[in-house]
Amino acid sequence: MLAPRPTRSQGKGIVLARPIVMADRYLEAVQCLNLIAPERFADALETADARAGLRSFREGCDPGLMEIVFSVPDEQFWWFRLVLRKMAEKYERHKSILQTYRKLNLPRS
């Protein structure tokens, strides 16, 4: 259950208001993203795409990733997929840059 957030009212100190639902759902989606190791972003994205109906589920899909992807609330799933895609792309770019850097710094024989 979501707890109400305190807010200030004119001259009345702090009073309880209705929950800030979007912030709470955003945090739920971020918590799900934080459960995925960077090297698994691409696999998680495939699972998310399958949940969205953009591809079929592949055989042997990691049940842990499926649990994470399917635990994201429907209201936040579009945002989750978008951020996951960007994180996967960033990880792949970073990995590619590191591989290139390592090749350039290999001792020549």
C-alpha atoms as a PDB file:
ATOM      1  CA  MET A   1       0.000   0.000   0.000  1.00  0.00           C
ATOM      2  CA  LEU A   2       1.263   3.481  -0.829  1.00  0.00           C
ATOM      3  CA  ALA A   3       1.655   5.847   2.100  1.00  0.00           C
ATOM      4  CA  PRO A   4       0.446   9.445   1.734  1.00  0.00           C
ATOM      5  CA  ARG A   5       3.159  12.033   1.344  1.00  0.00           C
ATOM      6  CA  PRO A   6       3.324  15.025   3.678  1.00  0.00           C
ATOM      7  CA  THR A   7       2.724  18.428   2.074  1.00  0.00           C
ATOM      8  CA  ARG A   8       2.588  21.982   3.378  1.00  0.00           C
ATOM      9  CA  SER A   9      -0.679  23.831   3.638  1.00  0.00           C
ATOM     10  CA  GLN A  10      -1.022  27.592   4.125  1.00  0.00           C
ATOM     11  CA  GLY A  11      -0.288  28.274   7.780  1.00  0.00           C
ATOM     12  CA  LYS A  12      -1.296  24.777   8.938  1.00  0.00           C
ATOM     13  CA  GLY A  13       2.103  23.086   9.046  1.00  0.00           C
ATOM     14  CA  ILE A  14       2.414  19.662   7.452  1.00  0.00           C
ATOM     15  CA  VAL A  15      -0.767  17.814   6.433  1.00  0.00           C
ATOM     16  CA  LEU A  16      -1.192  14.504   4.655  1.00  0.00           C
ATOM     17  CA  ALA A  17      -2.212  14.634   1.011  1.00  0.00           C
ATOM     18  CA  ARG A  18      -3.069  11.916  -1.468  1.00  0.00           C
ATOM     19  CA  PRO A  19      -0.084   9.874  -2.644  1.00  0.00           C
ATOM     20  CA  ILE A  20       2.019  10.991  -5.538  1.00  0.00           C
ATOM     21  CA  VAL A  21       1.201   7.923  -7.589  1.00  0.00           C
ATOM     22  CA  MET A  22       3.453   8.572 -10.596  1.00  0.00           C
ATOM     23  CA  ALA A  23       6.531   9.004  -8.397  1.00  0.00           C
ATOM     24  CA  ASP A  24       5.786   5.744  -6.607  1.00  0.00           C
ATOM     25  CA  ARG A  25       5.265   3.852  -9.880  1.00  0.00           C
ATOM     26  CA  TYR A  26       8.442   5.393 -11.286  1.00  0.00           C
ATOM     27  CA  LEU A  27      10.338   4.131  -8.239  1.00  0.00           C
ATOM     28  CA  GLU A  28       8.858   0.645  -8.710  1.00  0.00           C
ATOM     29  CA  ALA A  29      10.099   0.571 -12.308  1.00  0.00           C
ATOM     30  CA  VAL A  30      13.548   1.890 -11.279  1.00  0.00           C
ATOM     31  CA  GLN A  31      13.782  -0.813  -8.618  1.00  0.00           C
ATOM     32  CA  CYS A  32      13.084  -3.416 -11.293  1.00  0.00           C
ATOM     33  CA  LEU A  33      15.780  -1.918 -13.551  1.00  0.00           C
ATOM     34  CA  ASN A  34      18.263  -2.018 -10.674  1.00  0.00           C
ATOM     35  CA  LEU A  35      17.752  -5.782 -10.355  1.00  0.00           C
ATOM     36  CA  ILE A  36      19.141  -6.406 -13.857  1.00  0.00           C
ATOM     37  CA  ALA A  37      22.889  -6.781 -14.289  1.00  0.00           C
ATOM     38  CA  PRO A  38      24.231  -4.606 -17.133  1.00  0.00           C
ATOM     39  CA  GLU A  39      25.429  -7.614 -19.131  1.00  0.00           C
ATOM     40  CA  ARG A  40      21.835  -8.936 -19.070  1.00  0.00           C
ATOM     41  CA  PHE A  41      20.194  -5.741 -20.415  1.00  0.00           C
ATOM     42  CA  ALA A  42      19.923  -7.126 -23.966  1.00  0.00           C
ATOM     43  CA  ASP A  43      18.237 -10.339 -22.754  1.00  0.00           C
ATOM     44  CA  ALA A  44      15.891  -8.361 -20.518  1.00  0.00           C
ATOM     45  CA  LEU A  45      15.007  -6.117 -23.452  1.00  0.00           C
ATOM     46  CA  GLU A  46      14.108  -9.159 -25.574  1.00  0.00           C
ATOM     47  CA  THR A  47      11.855 -10.362 -22.758  1.00  0.00           C
ATOM     48  CA  ALA A  48      10.284  -6.904 -22.438  1.00  0.00           C
ATOM     49  CA  ASP A  49       9.687  -6.781 -26.193  1.00  0.00           C
ATOM     50  CA  ALA A  50       8.007 -10.195 -25.973  1.00  0.00           C
ATOM     51  CA  ARG A  51       5.792  -8.949 -23.128  1.00  0.00           C
ATOM     52  CA  ALA A  52       4.844  -5.977 -25.318  1.00  0.00           C
ATOM     53  CA  GLY A  53       3.929  -8.384 -28.135  1.00  0.00           C
ATOM     54  CA  LEU A  54       6.702  -7.205 -30.466  1.00  0.00           C
ATOM     55  CA  ARG A  55       8.357 -10.625 -30.687  1.00  0.00           C
ATOM     56  CA  SER A  56       7.723 -14.143 -29.497  1.00  0.00           C
ATOM     57  CA  PHE A  57       9.257 -15.542 -26.335  1.00  0.00           C
ATOM     58  CA  ARG A  58      12.400 -17.485 -27.070  1.00  0.00           C
ATOM     59  CA  GLU A  59      12.994 -20.917 -25.674  1.00  0.00           C
ATOM     60  CA  GLY A  60      15.199 -21.090 -22.599  1.00  0.00           C
ATOM     61  CA  CYS A  61      14.431 -17.550 -21.488  1.00  0.00           C
ATOM     62  CA  ASP A  62      15.836 -16.795 -18.012  1.00  0.00           C
ATOM     63  CA  PRO A  63      12.981 -17.148 -15.493  1.00  0.00           C
ATOM     64  CA  GLY A  64      14.625 -14.543 -13.232  1.00  0.00           C
ATOM     65  CA  LEU A  65      14.536 -11.932 -15.995  1.00  0.00           C
ATOM     66  CA  MET A  66      10.958 -12.872 -16.835  1.00  0.00           C
ATOM     67  CA  GLU A  67       9.980 -12.383 -13.199  1.00  0.00           C
ATOM     68  CA  ILE A  68      11.592  -8.929 -13.122  1.00  0.00           C
ATOM     69  CA  VAL A  69      10.103  -7.806 -16.445  1.00  0.00           C
ATOM     70  CA  PHE A  70       6.623  -9.049 -15.568  1.00  0.00           C
ATOM     71  CA  SER A  71       6.741  -7.432 -12.113  1.00  0.00           C
ATOM     72  CA  VAL A  72       6.784  -3.934 -13.652  1.00  0.00           C
ATOM     73  CA  PRO A  73       3.320  -2.340 -13.317  1.00  0.00           C
ATOM     74  CA  ASP A  74       1.456  -1.993 -16.622  1.00  0.00           C
ATOM     75  CA  GLU A  75       1.244   1.790 -16.188  1.00  0.00           C
ATOM     76  CA  GLN A  76       5.037   2.045 -16.117  1.00  0.00           C
ATOM     77  CA  PHE A  77       5.936  -0.672 -18.613  1.00  0.00           C
ATOM     78  CA  TRP A  78       6.316   1.660 -21.615  1.00  0.00           C
ATOM     79  CA  TRP A  79       8.708   3.852 -19.633  1.00  0.00           C
ATOM     80  CA  PHE A  80      10.552   0.777 -18.281  1.00  0.00           C
ATOM     81  CA  ARG A  81      11.082  -0.577 -21.816  1.00  0.00           C
ATOM     82  CA  LEU A  82      12.297   2.788 -23.083  1.00  0.00           C
ATOM     83  CA  VAL A  83      14.823   3.219 -20.274  1.00  0.00           C
ATOM     84  CA  LEU A  84      15.922  -0.424 -20.528  1.00  0.00           C
ATOM     85  CA  ARG A  85      16.542   0.042 -24.276  1.00  0.00           C
ATOM     86  CA  LYS A  86      18.666   3.154 -23.628  1.00  0.00           C
ATOM     87  CA  MET A  87      20.606   1.404 -20.857  1.00  0.00           C
ATOM     88  CA  ALA A  88      21.264  -1.609 -23.122  1.00  0.00           C
ATOM     89  CA  GLU A  89      22.480   0.657 -25.932  1.00  0.00           C
ATOM     90  CA  LYS A  90      24.742   2.590 -23.553  1.00  0.00           C
ATOM     91  CA  TYR A  91      26.183  -0.635 -22.130  1.00  0.00           C
ATOM     92  CA  GLU A  92      26.912  -2.014 -25.616  1.00  0.00           C
ATOM     93  CA  ARG A  93      28.614   1.264 -26.670  1.00  0.00           C
ATOM     94  CA  HIS A  94      30.702   1.282 -23.504  1.00  0.00           C
ATOM     95  CA  LYS A  95      31.687  -2.366 -24.013  1.00  0.00           C
ATOM     96  CA  SER A  96      32.686  -1.650 -27.626  1.00  0.00           C
ATOM     97  CA  ILE A  97      34.782   1.371 -26.607  1.00  0.00           C
ATOM     98  CA  LEU A  98      36.567  -0.680 -23.940  1.00  0.00           C
ATOM     99  CA  GLN A  99      37.347  -3.450 -26.432  1.00  0.00           C
ATOM    100  CA  THR A 100      38.761  -0.920 -28.894  1.00  0.00           C
ATOM    101  CA  TYR A 101      40.784   0.759 -26.159  1.00  0.00           C
ATOM    102  CA  ARG A 102      42.214  -2.590 -25.035  1.00  0.00           C
ATOM    103  CA  LYS A 103      43.188  -3.471 -28.628  1.00  0.00           C
ATOM    104  CA  LEU A 104      44.969  -0.132 -29.001  1.00  0.00           C
ATOM    105  CA  ASN A 105      46.893  -0.654 -25.784  1.00  0.00           C
ATOM    106  CA  LEU A 106      48.081  -4.190 -26.477  1.00  0.00           C
ATOM    107  CA  PRO A 107      51.866  -4.458 -26.486  1.00  0.00           C
ATOM    108  CA  ARG A 108      53.160  -4.916 -29.995  1.00  0.00           C
ATOM    109  CA  SER A 109      55.510  -7.845 -30.596  1.00  0.00           C
END
